[in-house]
Amino acid sequence: MSSSSSRVRGAEIIELLGSMRFAISLLVFICVASLIGTVLPQNQATN
């Protein structure tokens, strides 16, 4: 029974990782990060 549940849970995780909504969410984060990296000068002195 536990083996079957693990397989189901694994399939659900794989389904989530390969889903369109998950990929779009990642792309949104990357776009926001790229926007920050473009507007804010990178690798400057701490001061």
All heavy atoms as atom14 arrays in JSON, in Angstrom:
{
  "sequence": "MSSSSSRVRGAEIIELLGSMRFAISLLVFICVASLIGTVLPQNQATN",
  "atom14_mask": [
    [1, 1, 1, 1, 1, 1, 1, 1, 0, 0, 0, 0, 0, 0],
    [1, 1, 1, 1, 1, 1, 0, 0, 0, 0, 0, 0, 0, 0],
    [1, 1, 1, 1, 1, 1, 0, 0, 0, 0, 0, 0, 0, 0],
    [1, 1, 1, 1, 1, 1, 0, 0, 0, 0, 0, 0, 0, 0],
    [1, 1, 1, 1, 1, 1, 0, 0, 0, 0, 0, 0, 0, 0],
    [1, 1, 1, 1, 1, 1, 0, 0, 0, 0, 0, 0, 0, 0],
    [1, 1, 1, 1, 1, 1, 1, 1, 1, 1, 1, 0, 0, 0],
    [1, 1, 1, 1, 1, 1, 1, 0, 0, 0, 0, 0, 0, 0],
    [1, 1, 1, 1, 1, 1, 1, 1, 1, 1, 1, 0, 0, 0],
    [1, 1, 1, 1, 0, 0, 0, 0, 0, 0, 0, 0, 0, 0],
    [1, 1, 1, 1, 1, 0, 0, 0, 0, 0, 0, 0, 0, 0],
    [1, 1, 1, 1, 1, 1, 1, 1, 1, 0, 0, 0, 0, 0],
    [1, 1, 1, 1, 1, 1, 1, 1, 0, 0, 0, 0, 0, 0],
    [1, 1, 1, 1, 1, 1, 1, 1, 0, 0, 0, 0, 0, 0],
    [1, 1, 1, 1, 1, 1, 1, 1, 1, 0, 0, 0, 0, 0],
    [1, 1, 1, 1, 1, 1, 1, 1, 0, 0, 0, 0, 0, 0],
    [1, 1, 1, 1, 1, 1, 1, 1, 0, 0, 0, 0, 0, 0],
    [1, 1, 1, 1, 0, 0, 0, 0, 0, 0, 0, 0, 0, 0],
    [1, 1, 1, 1, 1, 1, 0, 0, 0, 0, 0, 0, 0, 0],
    [1, 1, 1, 1, 1, 1, 1, 1, 0, 0, 0, 0, 0, 0],
    [1, 1, 1, 1, 1, 1, 1, 1, 1, 1, 1, 0, 0, 0],
    [1, 1, 1, 1, 1, 1, 1, 1, 1, 1, 1, 0, 0, 0],
    [1, 1, 1, 1, 1, 0, 0, 0, 0, 0, 0, 0, 0, 0],
    [1, 1, 1, 1, 1, 1, 1, 1, 0, 0, 0, 0, 0, 0],
    [1, 1, 1, 1, 1, 1, 0, 0, 0, 0, 0, 0, 0, 0],
    [1, 1, 1, 1, 1, 1, 1, 1, 0, 0, 0, 0, 0, 0],
    [1, 1, 1, 1, 1, 1, 1, 1, 0, 0, 0, 0, 0, 0],
    [1, 1, 1, 1, 1, 1, 1, 0, 0, 0, 0, 0, 0, 0],
    [1, 1, 1, 1, 1, 1, 1, 1, 1, 1, 1, 0, 0, 0],
    [1, 1, 1, 1, 1, 1, 1, 1, 0, 0, 0, 0, 0, 0],
    [1, 1, 1, 1, 1, 1, 0, 0, 0, 0, 0, 0, 0, 0],
    [1, 1, 1, 1, 1, 1, 1, 0, 0, 0, 0, 0, 0, 0],
    [1, 1, 1, 1, 1, 0, 0, 0, 0, 0, 0, 0, 0, 0],
    [1, 1, 1, 1, 1, 1, 0, 0, 0, 0, 0, 0, 0, 0],
    [1, 1, 1, 1, 1, 1, 1, 1, 0, 0, 0, 0, 0, 0],
    [1, 1, 1, 1, 1, 1, 1, 1, 0, 0, 0, 0, 0, 0],
    [1, 1, 1, 1, 0, 0, 0, 0, 0, 0, 0, 0, 0, 0],
    [1, 1, 1, 1, 1, 1, 1, 0, 0, 0, 0, 0, 0, 0],
    [1, 1, 1, 1, 1, 1, 1, 0, 0, 0, 0, 0, 0, 0],
    [1, 1, 1, 1, 1, 1, 1, 1, 0, 0, 0, 0, 0, 0],
    [1, 1, 1, 1, 1, 1, 1, 0, 0, 0, 0, 0, 0, 0],
    [1, 1, 1, 1, 1, 1, 1, 1, 1, 0, 0, 0, 0, 0],
    [1, 1, 1, 1, 1, 1, 1, 1, 0, 0, 0, 0, 0, 0],
    [1, 1, 1, 1, 1, 1, 1, 1, 1, 0, 0, 0, 0, 0],
    [1, 1, 1, 1, 1, 0, 0, 0, 0, 0, 0, 0, 0, 0],
    [1, 1, 1, 1, 1, 1, 1, 0, 0, 0, 0, 0, 0, 0],
    [1, 1, 1, 1, 1, 1, 1, 1, 0, 0, 0, 0, 0, 0]
  ],
  "atom14_positions": [
    [[0.83, -1.2, 0.0], [0.0, 0.0, 0.0], [0.87, 1.26, 0.0], [0.65, 2.2, -0.74], [-0.92, -0.01, 1.22], [-1.97, 1.09, 1.2], [-3.2, 0.81, -0.07], [-4.28, 2.2, 0.24], [0.0, 0.0, 0.0], [0.0, 0.0, 0.0], [0.0, 0.0, 0.0], [0.0, 0.0, 0.0], [0.0, 0.0, 0.0], [0.0, 0.0, 0.0]],
    [[1.91, 1.27, 0.86], [2.82, 2.42, 0.92], [3.59, 2.57, -0.37], [3.88, 3.67, -0.82], [3.76, 2.29, 2.11], [4.55, 1.13, 1.99], [0.0, 0.0, 0.0], [0.0, 0.0, 0.0], [0.0, 0.0, 0.0], [0.0, 0.0, 0.0], [0.0, 0.0, 0.0], [0.0, 0.0, 0.0], [0.0, 0.0, 0.0], [0.0, 0.0, 0.0]],
    [[3.97, 1.44, -0.99], [4.68, 1.49, -2.27], [3.81, 2.11, -3.34], [4.27, 2.91, -4.15], [5.11, 0.08, -2.68], [5.73, 0.1, -3.94], [0.0, 0.0, 0.0], [0.0, 0.0, 0.0], [0.0, 0.0, 0.0], [0.0, 0.0, 0.0], [0.0, 0.0, 0.0], [0.0, 0.0, 0.0], [0.0, 0.0, 0.0], [0.0, 0.0, 0.0]],
    [[2.54, 1.76, -3.33], [1.61, 2.34, -4.31], [1.45, 3.83, -4.07], [1.44, 4.63, -5.02], [0.26, 1.63, -4.22], [-0.67, 2.26, -5.08], [0.0, 0.0, 0.0], [0.0, 0.0, 0.0], [0.0, 0.0, 0.0], [0.0, 0.0, 0.0], [0.0, 0.0, 0.0], [0.0, 0.0, 0.0], [0.0, 0.0, 0.0], [0.0, 0.0, 0.0]],
    [[1.37, 4.25, -2.81], [1.24, 5.67, -2.5], [2.47, 6.44, -2.92], [2.38, 7.57, -3.41], [1.0, 5.85, -0.99], [-0.18, 5.2, -0.58], [0.0, 0.0, 0.0], [0.0, 0.0, 0.0], [0.0, 0.0, 0.0], [0.0, 0.0, 0.0], [0.0, 0.0, 0.0], [0.0, 0.0, 0.0], [0.0, 0.0, 0.0], [0.0, 0.0, 0.0]],
    [[3.64, 5.84, -2.73], [4.88, 6.51, -3.13], [4.92, 6.71, -4.63], [5.36, 7.76, -5.12], [6.09, 5.68, -2.67], [6.11, 5.57, -1.26], [0.0, 0.0, 0.0], [0.0, 0.0, 0.0], [0.0, 0.0, 0.0], [0.0, 0.0, 0.0], [0.0, 0.0, 0.0], [0.0, 0.0, 0.0], [0.0, 0.0, 0.0], [0.0, 0.0, 0.0]],
    [[4.46, 5.66, -5.37], [4.45, 5.8, -6.83], [3.48, 6.89, -7.27], [3.78, 7.67, -8.18], [4.08, 4.47, -7.48], [5.2, 3.43, -7.43], [4.93, 2.32, -8.42], [3.7, 1.6, -8.08], [3.65, 0.55, -7.29], [4.77, 0.1, -6.74], [2.5, -0.05, -7.04], [0.0, 0.0, 0.0], [0.0, 0.0, 0.0], [0.0, 0.0, 0.0]],
    [[2.34, 6.95, -6.61], [1.36, 7.98, -6.95], [1.92, 9.37, -6.64], [1.79, 10.31, -7.44], [0.04, 7.74, -6.18], [-0.9, 8.94, -6.36], [-0.63, 6.47, -6.67], [0.0, 0.0, 0.0], [0.0, 0.0, 0.0], [0.0, 0.0, 0.0], [0.0, 0.0, 0.0], [0.0, 0.0, 0.0], [0.0, 0.0, 0.0], [0.0, 0.0, 0.0]],
    [[2.55, 9.49, -5.47], [3.12, 10.78, -5.08], [4.25, 11.18, -6.05], [4.36, 12.34, -6.44], [3.66, 10.71, -3.66], [4.06, 12.07, -3.08], [4.51, 11.97, -1.64], [3.43, 11.5, -0.77], [3.4, 10.29, -0.22], [4.4, 9.42, -0.44], [2.41, 9.92, 0.56], [0.0, 0.0, 0.0], [0.0, 0.0, 0.0], [0.0, 0.0, 0.0]],
    [[5.07, 10.2, -6.45], [6.13, 10.49, -7.41], [5.57, 10.93, -8.75], [6.1, 11.85, -9.39], [0.0, 0.0, 0.0], [0.0, 0.0, 0.0], [0.0, 0.0, 0.0], [0.0, 0.0, 0.0], [0.0, 0.0, 0.0], [0.0, 0.0, 0.0], [0.0, 0.0, 0.0], [0.0, 0.0, 0.0], [0.0, 0.0, 0.0], [0.0, 0.0, 0.0]],
    [[4.5, 10.27, -9.18], [3.88, 10.65, -10.44], [3.31, 12.06, -10.37], [3.38, 12.84, -11.33], [2.78, 9.64, -10.81], [0.0, 0.0, 0.0], [0.0, 0.0, 0.0], [0.0, 0.0, 0.0], [0.0, 0.0, 0.0], [0.0, 0.0, 0.0], [0.0, 0.0, 0.0], [0.0, 0.0, 0.0], [0.0, 0.0, 0.0], [0.0, 0.0, 0.0]],
    [[2.74, 12.4, -9.22], [2.18, 13.75, -9.06], [3.29, 14.81, -9.09], [3.11, 15.89, -9.66], [1.41, 13.83, -7.74], [0.12, 13.02, -7.73], [-0.55, 13.05, -6.37], [0.12, 13.51, -5.4], [-1.71, 12.62, -6.26], [0.0, 0.0, 0.0], [0.0, 0.0, 0.0], [0.0, 0.0, 0.0], [0.0, 0.0, 0.0], [0.0, 0.0, 0.0]],
    [[4.43, 14.49, -8.47], [5.55, 15.44, -8.48], [6.06, 15.64, -9.9], [6.32, 16.76, -10.34], [6.67, 14.94, -7.54], [6.2, 15.0, -6.08], [7.92, 15.8, -7.72], [7.2, 14.42, -5.1], [0.0, 0.0, 0.0], [0.0, 0.0, 0.0], [0.0, 0.0, 0.0], [0.0, 0.0, 0.0], [0.0, 0.0, 0.0], [0.0, 0.0, 0.0]],
    [[6.2, 14.53, -10.62], [6.67, 14.63, -12.01], [5.67, 15.4, -12.85], [6.04, 16.22, -13.7], [6.93, 13.23, -12.58], [8.13, 12.59, -11.87], [7.18, 13.29, -14.08], [8.41, 11.17, -12.3], [0.0, 0.0, 0.0], [0.0, 0.0, 0.0], [0.0, 0.0, 0.0], [0.0, 0.0, 0.0], [0.0, 0.0, 0.0], [0.0, 0.0, 0.0]],
    [[4.38, 15.16, -12.61], [3.34, 15.88, -13.35], [3.44, 17.39, -13.07], [3.29, 18.22, -13.97], [1.97, 15.34, -12.94], [0.8, 16.04, -13.61], [0.72, 15.76, -15.11], [1.28, 14.73, -15.54], [0.13, 16.59, -15.84], [0.0, 0.0, 0.0], [0.0, 0.0, 0.0], [0.0, 0.0, 0.0], [0.0, 0.0, 0.0], [0.0, 0.0, 0.0]],
    [[3.68, 17.75, -11.79], [3.81, 19.16, -11.44], [5.04, 19.78, -12.09], [4.97, 20.88, -12.66], [3.9, 19.31, -9.92], [4.21, 20.72, -9.39], [3.08, 21.68, -9.77], [4.42, 20.72, -7.88], [0.0, 0.0, 0.0], [0.0, 0.0, 0.0], [0.0, 0.0, 0.0], [0.0, 0.0, 0.0], [0.0, 0.0, 0.0], [0.0, 0.0, 0.0]],
    [[6.18, 19.08, -11.99], [7.42, 19.62, -12.56], [7.31, 19.82, -14.06], [7.91, 20.75, -14.62], [8.6, 18.71, -12.23], [9.03, 18.64, -10.76], [10.15, 17.62, -10.59], [9.49, 20.01, -10.27], [0.0, 0.0, 0.0], [0.0, 0.0, 0.0], [0.0, 0.0, 0.0], [0.0, 0.0, 0.0], [0.0, 0.0, 0.0], [0.0, 0.0, 0.0]],
    [[6.59, 18.94, -14.73], [6.48, 19.04, -16.18], [5.29, 19.85, -16.65], [5.05, 19.92, -17.86], [0.0, 0.0, 0.0], [0.0, 0.0, 0.0], [0.0, 0.0, 0.0], [0.0, 0.0, 0.0], [0.0, 0.0, 0.0], [0.0, 0.0, 0.0], [0.0, 0.0, 0.0], [0.0, 0.0, 0.0], [0.0, 0.0, 0.0], [0.0, 0.0, 0.0]],
    [[4.56, 20.47, -15.73], [3.35, 21.19, -16.12], [3.67, 22.57, -16.66], [4.7, 23.17, -16.35], [2.4, 21.31, -14.92], [2.99, 22.11, -13.91], [0.0, 0.0, 0.0], [0.0, 0.0, 0.0], [0.0, 0.0, 0.0], [0.0, 0.0, 0.0], [0.0, 0.0, 0.0], [0.0, 0.0, 0.0], [0.0, 0.0, 0.0], [0.0, 0.0, 0.0]],
    [[2.74, 23.09, -17.45], [2.9, 24.41, -18.04], [2.9, 25.48, -16.96], [3.69, 26.43, -17.01], [1.77, 24.66, -19.03], [1.78, 26.04, -19.66], [2.99, 26.2, -20.97], [2.21, 25.22, -22.24], [0.0, 0.0, 0.0], [0.0, 0.0, 0.0], [0.0, 0.0, 0.0], [0.0, 0.0, 0.0], [0.0, 0.0, 0.0], [0.0, 0.0, 0.0]],
    [[2.01, 25.38, -15.97], [1.9, 26.42, -14.95], [3.18, 26.51, -14.12], [3.59, 27.6, -13.71], [0.7, 26.15, -14.06], [0.75, 24.88, -13.24], [-0.51, 24.71, -12.39], [-0.46, 23.53, -11.54], [-0.8, 22.32, -11.93], [-1.24, 22.13, -13.18], [-0.73, 21.3, -11.1], [0.0, 0.0, 0.0], [0.0, 0.0, 0.0], [0.0, 0.0, 0.0]],
    [[3.84, 25.37, -13.87], [5.09, 25.4, -13.11], [6.19, 26.09, -13.92], [6.93, 26.93, -13.39], [5.51, 23.98, -12.75], [6.73, 23.91, -11.86], [6.66, 24.3, -10.54], [7.94, 23.47, -12.36], [7.78, 24.25, -9.72], [9.07, 23.41, -11.55], [8.98, 23.8, -10.23], [0.0, 0.0, 0.0], [0.0, 0.0, 0.0], [0.0, 0.0, 0.0]],
    [[6.29, 25.77, -15.2], [7.31, 26.39, -16.06], [7.07, 27.9, -16.18], [8.02, 28.69, -16.13], [7.31, 25.74, -17.44], [0.0, 0.0, 0.0], [0.0, 0.0, 0.0], [0.0, 0.0, 0.0], [0.0, 0.0, 0.0], [0.0, 0.0, 0.0], [0.0, 0.0, 0.0], [0.0, 0.0, 0.0], [0.0, 0.0, 0.0], [0.0, 0.0, 0.0]],
    [[5.81, 28.31, -16.31], [5.51, 29.74, -16.42], [5.86, 30.46, -15.13], [6.39, 31.58, -15.14], [4.03, 29.94, -16.79], [3.78, 29.46, -18.24], [3.63, 31.4, -16.65], [2.35, 29.55, -18.68], [0.0, 0.0, 0.0], [0.0, 0.0, 0.0], [0.0, 0.0, 0.0], [0.0, 0.0, 0.0], [0.0, 0.0, 0.0], [0.0, 0.0, 0.0]],
    [[5.59, 29.82, -13.99], [5.95, 30.43, -12.7], [7.46, 30.65, -12.61], [7.92, 31.7, -12.15], [5.47, 29.54, -11.55], [4.07, 29.37, -11.58], [0.0, 0.0, 0.0], [0.0, 0.0, 0.0], [0.0, 0.0, 0.0], [0.0, 0.0, 0.0], [0.0, 0.0, 0.0], [0.0, 0.0, 0.0], [0.0, 0.0, 0.0], [0.0, 0.0, 0.0]],
    [[8.24, 29.64, -13.05], [9.69, 29.79, -13.03], [10.14, 30.91, -13.94], [11.04, 31.7, -13.6], [10.35, 28.47, -13.45], [10.15, 27.28, -12.51], [10.75, 26.02, -13.12], [10.77, 27.55, -11.15], [0.0, 0.0, 0.0], [0.0, 0.0, 0.0], [0.0, 0.0, 0.0], [0.0, 0.0, 0.0], [0.0, 0.0, 0.0], [0.0, 0.0, 0.0]],
    [[9.53, 31.0, -15.12], [9.9, 32.06, -16.06], [9.57, 33.44, -15.49], [10.31, 34.4, -15.72], [9.18, 31.85, -17.39], [9.71, 30.71, -18.27], [8.81, 30.49, -19.47], [11.13, 31.02, -18.74], [0.0, 0.0, 0.0], [0.0, 0.0, 0.0], [0.0, 0.0, 0.0], [0.0, 0.0, 0.0], [0.0, 0.0, 0.0], [0.0, 0.0, 0.0]],
    [[8.49, 33.55, -14.73], [8.15, 34.83, -14.11], [9.24, 35.23, -13.11], [9.69, 36.38, -13.08], [6.78, 34.75, -13.42], [6.54, 35.97, -12.54], [5.67, 34.63, -14.46], [0.0, 0.0, 0.0], [0.0, 0.0, 0.0], [0.0, 0.0, 0.0], [0.0, 0.0, 0.0], [0.0, 0.0, 0.0], [0.0, 0.0, 0.0], [0.0, 0.0, 0.0]],
    [[9.68, 34.27, -12.29], [10.75, 34.56, -11.33], [12.03, 34.98, -12.05], [12.72, 35.91, -11.62], [11.02, 33.34, -10.45], [10.07, 33.19, -9.3], [9.15, 32.17, -9.27], [10.09, 34.09, -8.24], [8.26, 32.03, -8.22], [9.21, 33.96, -7.18], [8.29, 32.92, -7.17], [0.0, 0.0, 0.0], [0.0, 0.0, 0.0], [0.0, 0.0, 0.0]],
    [[12.36, 34.28, -13.14], [13.57, 34.61, -13.89], [13.45, 36.01, -14.5], [14.42, 36.79, -14.52], [13.83, 33.55, -14.96], [14.26, 32.23, -14.3], [14.9, 34.01, -15.95], [14.47, 31.09, -15.27], [0.0, 0.0, 0.0], [0.0, 0.0, 0.0], [0.0, 0.0, 0.0], [0.0, 0.0, 0.0], [0.0, 0.0, 0.0], [0.0, 0.0, 0.0]],
    [[12.27, 36.36, -15.0], [12.08, 37.69, -15.58], [12.23, 38.78, -14.52], [12.86, 39.81, -14.76], [10.69, 37.78, -16.23], [10.51, 36.83, -17.75], [0.0, 0.0, 0.0], [0.0, 0.0, 0.0], [0.0, 0.0, 0.0], [0.0, 0.0, 0.0], [0.0, 0.0, 0.0], [0.0, 0.0, 0.0], [0.0, 0.0, 0.0], [0.0, 0.0, 0.0]],
    [[11.67, 38.54, -13.33], [11.8, 39.52, -12.25], [13.27, 39.66, -11.85], [13.78, 40.78, -11.65], [10.94, 39.1, -11.04], [11.24, 40.0, -9.84], [9.47, 39.16, -11.38], [0.0, 0.0, 0.0], [0.0, 0.0, 0.0], [0.0, 0.0, 0.0], [0.0, 0.0, 0.0], [0.0, 0.0, 0.0], [0.0, 0.0, 0.0], [0.0, 0.0, 0.0]],
    [[13.97, 38.53, -11.73], [15.39, 38.57, -11.37], [16.2, 39.3, -12.44], [17.1, 40.09, -12.13], [15.92, 37.15, -11.17], [0.0, 0.0, 0.0], [0.0, 0.0, 0.0], [0.0, 0.0, 0.0], [0.0, 0.0, 0.0], [0.0, 0.0, 0.0], [0.0, 0.0, 0.0], [0.0, 0.0, 0.0], [0.0, 0.0, 0.0], [0.0, 0.0, 0.0]],
    [[15.89, 39.04, -13.7], [16.61, 39.7, -14.79], [16.34, 41.2, -14.78], [17.24, 42.0, -15.08], [16.2, 39.1, -16.14], [16.49, 37.72, -16.18], [0.0, 0.0, 0.0], [0.0, 0.0, 0.0], [0.0, 0.0, 0.0], [0.0, 0.0, 0.0], [0.0, 0.0, 0.0], [0.0, 0.0, 0.0], [0.0, 0.0, 0.0], [0.0, 0.0, 0.0]],
    [[15.11, 41.57, -14.43], [14.79, 43.0, -14.34], [15.62, 43.66, -13.24], [16.18, 44.74, -13.42], [13.3, 43.16, -14.07], [12.8, 44.61, -13.93], [12.99, 45.35, -15.24], [11.32, 44.63, -13.54], [0.0, 0.0, 0.0], [0.0, 0.0, 0.0], [0.0, 0.0, 0.0], [0.0, 0.0, 0.0], [0.0, 0.0, 0.0], [0.0, 0.0, 0.0]],
    [[15.72, 42.99, -12.08], [16.53, 43.53, -10.99], [17.99, 43.63, -11.41], [18.66, 44.63, -11.17], [16.39, 42.65, -9.74], [14.95, 42.69, -9.21], [17.36, 43.09, -8.64], [14.68, 41.72, -8.08], [0.0, 0.0, 0.0], [0.0, 0.0, 0.0], [0.0, 0.0, 0.0], [0.0, 0.0, 0.0], [0.0, 0.0, 0.0], [0.0, 0.0, 0.0]],
    [[18.49, 42.57, -12.05], [19.89, 42.57, -12.48], [20.19, 43.61, -13.53], [21.33, 44.06, -13.66], [0.0, 0.0, 0.0], [0.0, 0.0, 0.0], [0.0, 0.0, 0.0], [0.0, 0.0, 0.0], [0.0, 0.0, 0.0], [0.0, 0.0, 0.0], [0.0, 0.0, 0.0], [0.0, 0.0, 0.0], [0.0, 0.0, 0.0], [0.0, 0.0, 0.0]],
    [[19.17, 44.01, -14.31], [19.38, 45.03, -15.34], [19.34, 46.43, -14.73], [20.16, 47.29, -15.07], [18.29, 44.9, -16.43], [18.35, 43.59, -17.01], [18.49, 45.94, -17.51], [0.0, 0.0, 0.0], [0.0, 0.0, 0.0], [0.0, 0.0, 0.0], [0.0, 0.0, 0.0], [0.0, 0.0, 0.0], [0.0, 0.0, 0.0], [0.0, 0.0, 0.0]],
    [[18.39, 46.66, -13.83], [18.23, 47.99, -13.25], [19.3, 48.27, -12.2], [19.86, 49.38, -12.14], [16.82, 48.12, -12.63], [16.68, 49.44, -11.88], [15.76, 48.01, -13.7], [0.0, 0.0, 0.0], [0.0, 0.0, 0.0], [0.0, 0.0, 0.0], [0.0, 0.0, 0.0], [0.0, 0.0, 0.0], [0.0, 0.0, 0.0], [0.0, 0.0, 0.0]],
    [[19.61, 47.27, -11.37], [20.58, 47.46, -10.29], [21.98, 47.06, -10.76], [22.19, 45.93, -11.16], [20.18, 46.61, -9.08], [21.07, 46.73, -7.84], [20.93, 48.12, -7.24], [20.71, 45.66, -6.81], [0.0, 0.0, 0.0], [0.0, 0.0, 0.0], [0.0, 0.0, 0.0], [0.0, 0.0, 0.0], [0.0, 0.0, 0.0], [0.0, 0.0, 0.0]],
    [[22.95, 47.98, -10.75], [24.32, 47.62, -11.14], [24.84, 46.47, -10.28], [24.69, 46.49, -9.05], [25.11, 48.92, -10.9], [24.08, 50.0, -10.96], [22.82, 49.41, -10.4], [0.0, 0.0, 0.0], [0.0, 0.0, 0.0], [0.0, 0.0, 0.0], [0.0, 0.0, 0.0], [0.0, 0.0, 0.0], [0.0, 0.0, 0.0], [0.0, 0.0, 0.0]],
    [[25.43, 45.5, -10.94], [25.87, 44.3, -10.25], [27.35, 44.37, -9.87], [28.14, 45.07, -10.5], [25.64, 43.07, -11.14], [24.16, 42.84, -11.49], [23.36, 42.35, -10.32], [23.5, 41.22, -9.88], [22.5, 43.21, -9.8], [0.0, 0.0, 0.0], [0.0, 0.0, 0.0], [0.0, 0.0, 0.0], [0.0, 0.0, 0.0], [0.0, 0.0, 0.0]],
    [[27.69, 43.62, -8.8], [29.08, 43.41, -8.4], [29.81, 44.71, -8.07], [30.98, 44.88, -8.41], [29.84, 42.63, -9.48], [29.22, 41.29, -9.79], [28.91, 40.52, -8.89], [29.0, 41.01, -11.06], [0.0, 0.0, 0.0], [0.0, 0.0, 0.0], [0.0, 0.0, 0.0], [0.0, 0.0, 0.0], [0.0, 0.0, 0.0], [0.0, 0.0, 0.0]],
    [[29.1, 45.64, -7.43], [29.72, 46.88, -6.99], [30.24, 46.71, -5.55], [30.0, 45.7, -4.89], [28.71, 48.02, -7.04], [28.1, 48.25, -8.41], [29.11, 48.75, -9.41], [29.81, 49.72, -9.17], [29.2, 48.08, -10.55], [0.0, 0.0, 0.0], [0.0, 0.0, 0.0], [0.0, 0.0, 0.0], [0.0, 0.0, 0.0], [0.0, 0.0, 0.0]],
    [[30.96, 47.71, -5.09], [31.46, 47.68, -3.71], [30.29, 47.71, -2.73], [29.25, 48.32, -2.99], [32.4, 48.86, -3.47], [0.0, 0.0, 0.0], [0.0, 0.0, 0.0], [0.0, 0.0, 0.0], [0.0, 0.0, 0.0], [0.0, 0.0, 0.0], [0.0, 0.0, 0.0], [0.0, 0.0, 0.0], [0.0, 0.0, 0.0], [0.0, 0.0, 0.0]],
    [[30.49, 47.06, -1.59], [29.42, 46.98, -0.59], [28.96, 48.36, -0.15], [27.75, 48.61, 0.02], [29.92, 46.17, 0.63], [30.28, 44.86, 0.19], [28.85, 46.08, 1.69], [0.0, 0.0, 0.0], [0.0, 0.0, 0.0], [0.0, 0.0, 0.0], [0.0, 0.0, 0.0], [0.0, 0.0, 0.0], [0.0, 0.0, 0.0], [0.0, 0.0, 0.0]],
    [[29.9, 49.28, 0.03], [29.54, 50.62, 0.49], [28.6, 51.32, -0.48], [27.79, 52.16, -0.08], [30.8, 51.46, 0.7], [31.59, 51.03, 1.93], [31.02, 50.47, 2.85], [32.88, 51.28, 1.92], [0.0, 0.0, 0.0], [0.0, 0.0, 0.0], [0.0, 0.0, 0.0], [0.0, 0.0, 0.0], [0.0, 0.0, 0.0], [0.0, 0.0, 0.0]]
  ]
}
